[in-house]
Amino acid sequence: MEIHFEEQYLSDLYYKGKTADKKRRFQPDVIRRYKLRIEALENAAGIEDLHQIHSFHCEALKGERKGISSIRVNDRRRIEFTTHQAERETVVIVCNILEL
């Protein structure tokens, strides 16, 4: 899958391992797991592959967040993302990291 980031801090966390955004600072373990989850999204053939990894708790959100999916970074944080089909590849847009 192809990965895009909705916010600059999400891209910085993945590529640089840190962000200049002082409101969005994370512990090193959270950043390490975030990078692993983004790599898993890149390597997955489709969202269905993520459902098979039980520790990700991949789910489609409901209510106000309908149309957004999420996977867990750890037991306290999740990554929210949207997907759409572009030509032959699924495009994932990483939206946010939220504390549960």
N, C-alpha and C. Protein backbone atom coordinates (compact mmCIF):
# COMPACT_ATOMS: atom_id res chain seq x y z
N MET A 1 0.85 -1.17 0.00
CA MET A 1 0.00 0.00 0.00
C MET A 1 0.90 1.24 0.00
N GLU A 2 0.37 2.29 -0.56
CA GLU A 2 1.09 3.56 -0.61
C GLU A 2 0.67 4.41 0.59
N ILE A 3 1.64 5.02 1.27
CA ILE A 3 1.38 5.77 2.49
C ILE A 3 1.52 7.27 2.24
N HIS A 4 0.54 8.04 2.72
CA HIS A 4 0.59 9.50 2.73
C HIS A 4 0.27 9.94 4.15
N PHE A 5 0.74 11.11 4.52
CA PHE A 5 0.51 11.63 5.86
C PHE A 5 -0.30 12.91 5.78
N GLU A 6 -1.36 13.00 6.59
CA GLU A 6 -2.22 14.17 6.59
C GLU A 6 -1.55 15.37 7.25
N GLU A 7 -0.73 15.11 8.25
CA GLU A 7 -0.05 16.17 9.00
C GLU A 7 1.46 15.98 8.90
N GLN A 8 2.19 17.09 8.94
CA GLN A 8 3.64 17.05 8.84
C GLN A 8 4.28 16.30 10.00
N TYR A 9 3.74 16.46 11.21
CA TYR A 9 4.35 15.80 12.36
C TYR A 9 4.31 14.27 12.22
N LEU A 10 3.29 13.73 11.55
CA LEU A 10 3.21 12.29 11.34
C LEU A 10 4.31 11.81 10.41
N SER A 11 4.59 12.58 9.38
CA SER A 11 5.67 12.27 8.46
C SER A 11 7.02 12.37 9.17
N ASP A 12 7.20 13.43 9.94
CA ASP A 12 8.46 13.62 10.68
C ASP A 12 8.71 12.47 11.64
N LEU A 13 7.68 12.03 12.34
CA LEU A 13 7.84 10.91 13.27
C LEU A 13 8.32 9.66 12.55
N TYR A 14 7.78 9.43 11.37
CA TYR A 14 8.15 8.23 10.62
C TYR A 14 9.55 8.34 10.02
N TYR A 15 9.84 9.43 9.36
CA TYR A 15 11.11 9.55 8.65
C TYR A 15 12.27 10.03 9.54
N LYS A 16 11.99 10.88 10.52
CA LYS A 16 13.06 11.44 11.36
C LYS A 16 13.09 10.87 12.77
N GLY A 17 11.99 10.26 13.20
CA GLY A 17 11.92 9.72 14.55
C GLY A 17 11.63 10.76 15.61
N LYS A 18 11.33 11.97 15.19
CA LYS A 18 10.98 13.05 16.13
C LYS A 18 10.22 14.11 15.35
N THR A 19 9.64 15.05 16.10
CA THR A 19 8.89 16.13 15.48
C THR A 19 9.19 17.44 16.18
N ALA A 20 9.14 18.52 15.44
CA ALA A 20 9.35 19.85 16.02
C ALA A 20 8.09 20.36 16.71
N ASP A 21 6.95 19.72 16.47
CA ASP A 21 5.67 20.12 17.05
C ASP A 21 5.68 19.79 18.55
N LYS A 22 5.76 20.81 19.39
CA LYS A 22 5.88 20.59 20.83
C LYS A 22 4.63 19.99 21.45
N LYS A 23 3.49 20.12 20.79
CA LYS A 23 2.25 19.54 21.31
C LYS A 23 2.21 18.04 21.08
N ARG A 24 3.05 17.55 20.19
CA ARG A 24 2.98 16.14 19.81
C ARG A 24 4.33 15.47 19.99
N ARG A 25 4.72 15.35 21.22
CA ARG A 25 5.96 14.65 21.56
C ARG A 25 5.58 13.28 22.13
N PHE A 26 6.35 12.27 21.75
CA PHE A 26 6.04 10.91 22.17
C PHE A 26 7.28 10.24 22.73
N GLN A 27 7.07 9.25 23.57
CA GLN A 27 8.16 8.46 24.13
C GLN A 27 8.82 7.65 23.01
N PRO A 28 10.12 7.35 23.16
CA PRO A 28 10.83 6.58 22.12
C PRO A 28 10.16 5.25 21.76
N ASP A 29 9.59 4.57 22.75
CA ASP A 29 8.94 3.29 22.47
C ASP A 29 7.71 3.48 21.59
N VAL A 30 6.96 4.55 21.81
CA VAL A 30 5.79 4.83 20.98
C VAL A 30 6.22 5.14 19.55
N ILE A 31 7.29 5.90 19.39
CA ILE A 31 7.79 6.24 18.05
C ILE A 31 8.27 4.98 17.34
N ARG A 32 8.98 4.11 18.04
CA ARG A 32 9.46 2.87 17.45
C ARG A 32 8.30 2.00 16.97
N ARG A 33 7.28 1.86 17.81
CA ARG A 33 6.12 1.06 17.43
C ARG A 33 5.32 1.72 16.30
N TYR A 34 5.24 3.05 16.31
CA TYR A 34 4.57 3.79 15.24
C TYR A 34 5.24 3.47 13.91
N LYS A 35 6.57 3.53 13.88
CA LYS A 35 7.30 3.23 12.64
C LYS A 35 7.03 1.80 12.18
N LEU A 36 7.00 0.87 13.11
CA LEU A 36 6.72 -0.53 12.75
C LEU A 36 5.32 -0.68 12.17
N ARG A 37 4.34 0.04 12.72
CA ARG A 37 2.98 -0.04 12.21
C ARG A 37 2.87 0.57 10.81
N ILE A 38 3.56 1.68 10.57
CA ILE A 38 3.54 2.30 9.25
C ILE A 38 4.20 1.37 8.24
N GLU A 39 5.29 0.72 8.61
CA GLU A 39 5.93 -0.26 7.72
C GLU A 39 4.99 -1.41 7.43
N ALA A 40 4.23 -1.86 8.42
CA ALA A 40 3.27 -2.94 8.21
C ALA A 40 2.18 -2.49 7.23
N LEU A 41 1.74 -1.23 7.35
CA LEU A 41 0.76 -0.71 6.39
C LEU A 41 1.34 -0.70 4.98
N GLU A 42 2.58 -0.29 4.84
CA GLU A 42 3.24 -0.25 3.52
C GLU A 42 3.33 -1.63 2.89
N ASN A 43 3.65 -2.61 3.72
CA ASN A 43 3.89 -3.96 3.21
C ASN A 43 2.63 -4.80 3.03
N ALA A 44 1.53 -4.35 3.58
CA ALA A 44 0.28 -5.11 3.48
C ALA A 44 -0.29 -4.99 2.07
N ALA A 45 -0.85 -6.08 1.59
CA ALA A 45 -1.49 -6.07 0.27
C ALA A 45 -2.83 -5.34 0.34
N GLY A 46 -3.47 -5.38 1.50
CA GLY A 46 -4.76 -4.73 1.69
C GLY A 46 -5.10 -4.67 3.17
N ILE A 47 -6.15 -3.98 3.49
CA ILE A 47 -6.57 -3.84 4.89
C ILE A 47 -6.88 -5.20 5.51
N GLU A 48 -7.34 -6.12 4.69
CA GLU A 48 -7.66 -7.46 5.19
C GLU A 48 -6.45 -8.12 5.85
N ASP A 49 -5.25 -7.85 5.34
CA ASP A 49 -4.03 -8.41 5.93
C ASP A 49 -3.84 -7.93 7.36
N LEU A 50 -4.23 -6.70 7.65
CA LEU A 50 -4.05 -6.14 8.99
C LEU A 50 -4.98 -6.78 10.00
N HIS A 51 -6.14 -7.24 9.56
CA HIS A 51 -7.08 -7.90 10.46
C HIS A 51 -6.51 -9.22 10.98
N GLN A 52 -5.59 -9.81 10.25
CA GLN A 52 -5.01 -11.09 10.65
C GLN A 52 -3.96 -10.93 11.76
N ILE A 53 -3.46 -9.72 11.96
CA ILE A 53 -2.49 -9.46 13.03
C ILE A 53 -3.27 -8.97 14.24
N HIS A 54 -3.54 -9.86 15.16
CA HIS A 54 -4.45 -9.57 16.27
C HIS A 54 -3.97 -8.44 17.17
N SER A 55 -2.66 -8.27 17.35
CA SER A 55 -2.15 -7.22 18.22
C SER A 55 -2.42 -5.82 17.66
N PHE A 56 -2.73 -5.70 16.37
CA PHE A 56 -3.04 -4.41 15.77
C PHE A 56 -4.45 -3.94 16.12
N HIS A 57 -5.35 -4.85 16.47
CA HIS A 57 -6.75 -4.50 16.76
C HIS A 57 -7.31 -3.61 15.65
N CYS A 58 -7.11 -4.00 14.42
CA CYS A 58 -7.57 -3.22 13.27
C CYS A 58 -9.09 -3.18 13.27
N GLU A 59 -9.62 -1.96 13.14
CA GLU A 59 -11.08 -1.82 13.16
C GLU A 59 -11.52 -0.60 12.37
N ALA A 60 -12.71 -0.68 11.83
CA ALA A 60 -13.36 0.47 11.20
C ALA A 60 -14.11 1.19 12.31
N LEU A 61 -13.90 2.49 12.42
CA LEU A 61 -14.52 3.26 13.48
C LEU A 61 -15.96 3.60 13.13
N LYS A 62 -16.74 3.92 14.14
CA LYS A 62 -18.17 4.19 13.97
C LYS A 62 -18.50 5.58 14.48
N GLY A 63 -19.73 5.97 14.29
CA GLY A 63 -20.22 7.26 14.79
C GLY A 63 -19.60 8.42 14.04
N GLU A 64 -19.09 9.40 14.78
CA GLU A 64 -18.48 10.60 14.18
C GLU A 64 -17.28 10.26 13.31
N ARG A 65 -16.62 9.17 13.60
CA ARG A 65 -15.40 8.78 12.89
C ARG A 65 -15.65 7.74 11.80
N LYS A 66 -16.87 7.62 11.36
CA LYS A 66 -17.21 6.68 10.30
C LYS A 66 -16.37 6.99 9.06
N GLY A 67 -15.84 5.95 8.43
CA GLY A 67 -14.98 6.11 7.26
C GLY A 67 -13.50 6.10 7.60
N ILE A 68 -13.19 6.08 8.90
CA ILE A 68 -11.81 6.04 9.38
C ILE A 68 -11.56 4.68 9.99
N SER A 69 -10.38 4.13 9.74
CA SER A 69 -9.97 2.87 10.35
C SER A 69 -8.85 3.16 11.34
N SER A 70 -8.55 2.19 12.19
CA SER A 70 -7.46 2.38 13.15
C SER A 70 -6.75 1.07 13.43
N ILE A 71 -5.49 1.22 13.81
CA ILE A 71 -4.70 0.11 14.36
C ILE A 71 -4.04 0.62 15.62
N ARG A 72 -3.75 -0.28 16.52
CA ARG A 72 -3.14 0.08 17.80
C ARG A 72 -1.63 0.19 17.67
N VAL A 73 -1.08 1.22 18.30
CA VAL A 73 0.36 1.36 18.44
C VAL A 73 0.77 0.56 19.68
N ASN A 74 0.05 0.79 20.76
CA ASN A 74 0.22 0.04 22.00
C ASN A 74 -1.14 0.04 22.70
N ASP A 75 -1.17 -0.31 23.97
CA ASP A 75 -2.46 -0.38 24.66
C ASP A 75 -3.06 1.00 24.97
N ARG A 76 -2.29 2.08 24.76
CA ARG A 76 -2.78 3.43 25.07
C ARG A 76 -2.96 4.33 23.86
N ARG A 77 -2.43 3.94 22.70
CA ARG A 77 -2.48 4.81 21.52
C ARG A 77 -2.88 4.03 20.28
N ARG A 78 -3.52 4.75 19.36
CA ARG A 78 -3.87 4.14 18.08
C ARG A 78 -3.58 5.12 16.95
N ILE A 79 -3.38 4.56 15.77
CA ILE A 79 -3.18 5.33 14.55
C ILE A 79 -4.50 5.30 13.79
N GLU A 80 -4.99 6.47 13.41
CA GLU A 80 -6.19 6.55 12.60
C GLU A 80 -5.79 6.83 11.16
N PHE A 81 -6.48 6.18 10.23
CA PHE A 81 -6.15 6.35 8.82
C PHE A 81 -7.38 6.13 7.95
N THR A 82 -7.30 6.67 6.75
CA THR A 82 -8.34 6.43 5.75
C THR A 82 -7.68 5.73 4.57
N THR A 83 -8.48 5.07 3.76
CA THR A 83 -7.96 4.40 2.57
C THR A 83 -8.84 4.71 1.37
N HIS A 84 -8.21 4.67 0.22
CA HIS A 84 -8.96 4.72 -1.04
C HIS A 84 -8.13 4.03 -2.11
N GLN A 85 -8.81 3.62 -3.14
CA GLN A 85 -8.17 2.89 -4.23
C GLN A 85 -7.72 3.89 -5.30
N ALA A 86 -6.45 3.81 -5.68
CA ALA A 86 -5.91 4.65 -6.75
C ALA A 86 -5.25 3.73 -7.77
N GLU A 87 -5.83 3.69 -8.94
CA GLU A 87 -5.39 2.79 -10.00
C GLU A 87 -5.34 1.36 -9.48
N ARG A 88 -4.15 0.80 -9.32
CA ARG A 88 -4.03 -0.61 -8.88
C ARG A 88 -3.60 -0.75 -7.43
N GLU A 89 -3.40 0.35 -6.75
CA GLU A 89 -2.86 0.29 -5.40
C GLU A 89 -3.78 1.00 -4.40
N THR A 90 -3.80 0.48 -3.18
CA THR A 90 -4.54 1.12 -2.11
C THR A 90 -3.67 2.22 -1.51
N VAL A 91 -4.26 3.39 -1.33
CA VAL A 91 -3.55 4.52 -0.74
C VAL A 91 -4.07 4.70 0.69
N VAL A 92 -3.13 4.76 1.63
CA VAL A 92 -3.45 4.95 3.05
C VAL A 92 -3.05 6.37 3.41
N ILE A 93 -3.96 7.11 4.01
CA ILE A 93 -3.66 8.45 4.49
C ILE A 93 -3.70 8.40 6.02
N VAL A 94 -2.53 8.53 6.63
CA VAL A 94 -2.43 8.50 8.09
C VAL A 94 -2.92 9.84 8.61
N CYS A 95 -3.94 9.80 9.47
CA CYS A 95 -4.60 11.02 9.92
C CYS A 95 -4.12 11.51 11.27
N ASN A 96 -3.88 10.59 12.22
CA ASN A 96 -3.67 11.01 13.58
C ASN A 96 -3.12 9.88 14.44
N ILE A 97 -2.50 10.25 15.56
CA ILE A 97 -2.19 9.30 16.62
C ILE A 97 -2.98 9.79 17.82
N LEU A 98 -3.84 8.93 18.35
CA LEU A 98 -4.70 9.32 19.46
C LEU A 98 -4.40 8.50 20.70
N GLU A 99 -4.54 9.15 21.85
CA GLU A 99 -4.45 8.43 23.11
C GLU A 99 -5.85 7.90 23.43
N LEU A 100 -5.91 6.65 23.83
CA LEU A 100 -7.21 6.03 24.15
C LEU A 100 -7.64 6.39 25.56
